[in-house]
């Protein structure tokens, strides 16, 4: 099921299908390893709900929902 990263619930896994943004933010996310095919797991939300912590390539990464809504993902079973 295709969706965006900000809609993943805690414990769900997905792989990135595309970054739907341009400019410096796109470059920064790519530098963090968020590229097509990368597996991502939603670990937890902050108490306020924003930011959300994701596991990307063995590293915990906190992203604001306003940024993660531009990352298209395909939901998959966690392994």
C-alpha atoms as a PDB file:
ATOM      1  CA  UNK A   1       0.000   0.000   0.000  1.00  0.00           C
ATOM      2  CA  UNK A   2       1.489   3.350  -1.071  1.00  0.00           C
ATOM      3  CA  UNK A   3       1.280   6.210   1.427  1.00  0.00           C
ATOM      4  CA  UNK A   4       3.534   8.890   2.913  1.00  0.00           C
ATOM      5  CA  UNK A   5       5.991   8.521   5.777  1.00  0.00           C
ATOM      6  CA  UNK A   6       4.058  10.784   8.132  1.00  0.00           C
ATOM      7  CA  UNK A   7       1.104   8.343   8.056  1.00  0.00           C
ATOM      8  CA  UNK A   8       3.051   5.312   9.330  1.00  0.00           C
ATOM      9  CA  UNK A   9       2.008   4.151  12.783  1.00  0.00           C
ATOM     10  CA  UNK A  10       4.402   3.054  15.521  1.00  0.00           C
ATOM     11  CA  UNK A  11       5.931  -0.309  14.664  1.00  0.00           C
ATOM     12  CA  UNK A  12       5.098  -0.182  10.943  1.00  0.00           C
ATOM     13  CA  UNK A  13       7.760  -0.692   8.300  1.00  0.00           C
ATOM     14  CA  UNK A  14       8.021   0.599   4.750  1.00  0.00           C
ATOM     15  CA  UNK A  15      10.481   1.269   1.979  1.00  0.00           C
ATOM     16  CA  UNK A  16      10.900   4.651   0.342  1.00  0.00           C
ATOM     17  CA  UNK A  17       9.585   4.971  -3.196  1.00  0.00           C
ATOM     18  CA  UNK A  18      10.334   8.667  -3.802  1.00  0.00           C
ATOM     19  CA  UNK A  19      11.095  12.060  -2.286  1.00  0.00           C
ATOM     20  CA  UNK A  20       8.487  14.540  -3.482  1.00  0.00           C
ATOM     21  CA  UNK A  21      10.402  17.743  -2.755  1.00  0.00           C
ATOM     22  CA  UNK A  22      13.215  19.818  -4.209  1.00  0.00           C
ATOM     23  CA  UNK A  23      16.080  21.915  -2.940  1.00  0.00           C
ATOM     24  CA  UNK A  24      18.083  21.867   0.251  1.00  0.00           C
ATOM     25  CA  UNK A  25      15.655  19.720   2.251  1.00  0.00           C
ATOM     26  CA  UNK A  26      15.712  16.993  -0.409  1.00  0.00           C
ATOM     27  CA  UNK A  27      19.518  17.024  -0.403  1.00  0.00           C
ATOM     28  CA  UNK A  28      19.642  16.863   3.391  1.00  0.00           C
ATOM     29  CA  UNK A  29      17.258  13.894   3.582  1.00  0.00           C
ATOM     30  CA  UNK A  30      19.234  12.087   0.897  1.00  0.00           C
ATOM     31  CA  UNK A  31      22.423  12.727   2.891  1.00  0.00           C
ATOM     32  CA  UNK A  32      20.735  11.034   5.866  1.00  0.00           C
ATOM     33  CA  UNK A  33      20.161   7.956   3.684  1.00  0.00           C
ATOM     34  CA  UNK A  34      16.537   8.523   2.742  1.00  0.00           C
ATOM     35  CA  UNK A  35      16.732   7.371  -0.858  1.00  0.00           C
ATOM     36  CA  UNK A  36      14.562   5.149  -3.022  1.00  0.00           C
ATOM     37  CA  UNK A  37      14.516   1.571  -1.735  1.00  0.00           C
ATOM     38  CA  UNK A  38      15.654   2.396   1.821  1.00  0.00           C
ATOM     39  CA  UNK A  39      13.802   0.474   4.549  1.00  0.00           C
ATOM     40  CA  UNK A  40      12.290   2.595   7.321  1.00  0.00           C
ATOM     41  CA  UNK A  41      10.605   1.645  10.594  1.00  0.00           C
ATOM     42  CA  UNK A  42       8.443   4.022  12.616  1.00  0.00           C
ATOM     43  CA  UNK A  43       9.699   3.677  16.190  1.00  0.00           C
ATOM     44  CA  UNK A  44       7.730   6.240  18.193  1.00  0.00           C
ATOM     45  CA  UNK A  45       6.142   9.656  18.303  1.00  0.00           C
ATOM     46  CA  UNK A  46       7.068  12.342  20.783  1.00  0.00           C
ATOM     47  CA  UNK A  47       4.446  12.972  23.494  1.00  0.00           C
ATOM     48  CA  UNK A  48       3.090  15.917  21.450  1.00  0.00           C
ATOM     49  CA  UNK A  49       2.982  13.782  18.293  1.00  0.00           C
ATOM     50  CA  UNK A  50       5.741  15.683  16.482  1.00  0.00           C
ATOM     51  CA  UNK A  51       8.542  14.876  15.663  1.00  0.00           C
ATOM     52  CA  UNK A  52       8.448  11.141  14.966  1.00  0.00           C
ATOM     53  CA  UNK A  53      11.460   8.860  15.399  1.00  0.00           C
ATOM     54  CA  UNK A  54      12.266   6.475  12.539  1.00  0.00           C
ATOM     55  CA  UNK A  55      14.932   3.799  12.223  1.00  0.00           C
ATOM     56  CA  UNK A  56      16.794   4.342   8.946  1.00  0.00           C
ATOM     57  CA  UNK A  57      19.788   2.132   8.117  1.00  0.00           C
ATOM     58  CA  UNK A  58      20.322   1.300  11.792  1.00  0.00           C
ATOM     59  CA  UNK A  59      20.177   4.949  12.909  1.00  0.00           C
ATOM     60  CA  UNK A  60      17.389   6.699  14.785  1.00  0.00           C
ATOM     61  CA  UNK A  61      16.257   9.804  12.921  1.00  0.00           C
ATOM     62  CA  UNK A  62      13.677  12.335  14.165  1.00  0.00           C
ATOM     63  CA  UNK A  63      11.632  14.032  11.444  1.00  0.00           C
ATOM     64  CA  UNK A  64       8.879  16.603  11.661  1.00  0.00           C
ATOM     65  CA  UNK A  65       5.584  15.512  10.138  1.00  0.00           C
ATOM     66  CA  UNK A  66       5.620  18.555   7.845  1.00  0.00           C
ATOM     67  CA  UNK A  67       8.834  17.199   6.282  1.00  0.00           C
ATOM     68  CA  UNK A  68       7.955  13.497   6.274  1.00  0.00           C
ATOM     69  CA  UNK A  69       4.688  14.072   4.390  1.00  0.00           C
ATOM     70  CA  UNK A  70       6.727  14.574   1.212  1.00  0.00           C
ATOM     71  CA  UNK A  71       8.325  11.118   1.412  1.00  0.00           C
ATOM     72  CA  UNK A  72       6.354   8.459  -0.474  1.00  0.00           C
ATOM     73  CA  UNK A  73       6.628   4.937   0.951  1.00  0.00           C
ATOM     74  CA  UNK A  74       5.301   1.450   0.306  1.00  0.00           C
ATOM     75  CA  UNK A  75       4.150  -0.231   3.545  1.00  0.00           C
ATOM     76  CA  UNK A  76       5.572  -3.716   4.103  1.00  0.00           C
ATOM     77  CA  UNK A  77       5.855  -6.421   6.756  1.00  0.00           C
ATOM     78  CA  UNK A  78       8.592  -5.844   9.324  1.00  0.00           C
ATOM     79  CA  UNK A  79      11.283  -8.475   9.388  1.00  0.00           C
END
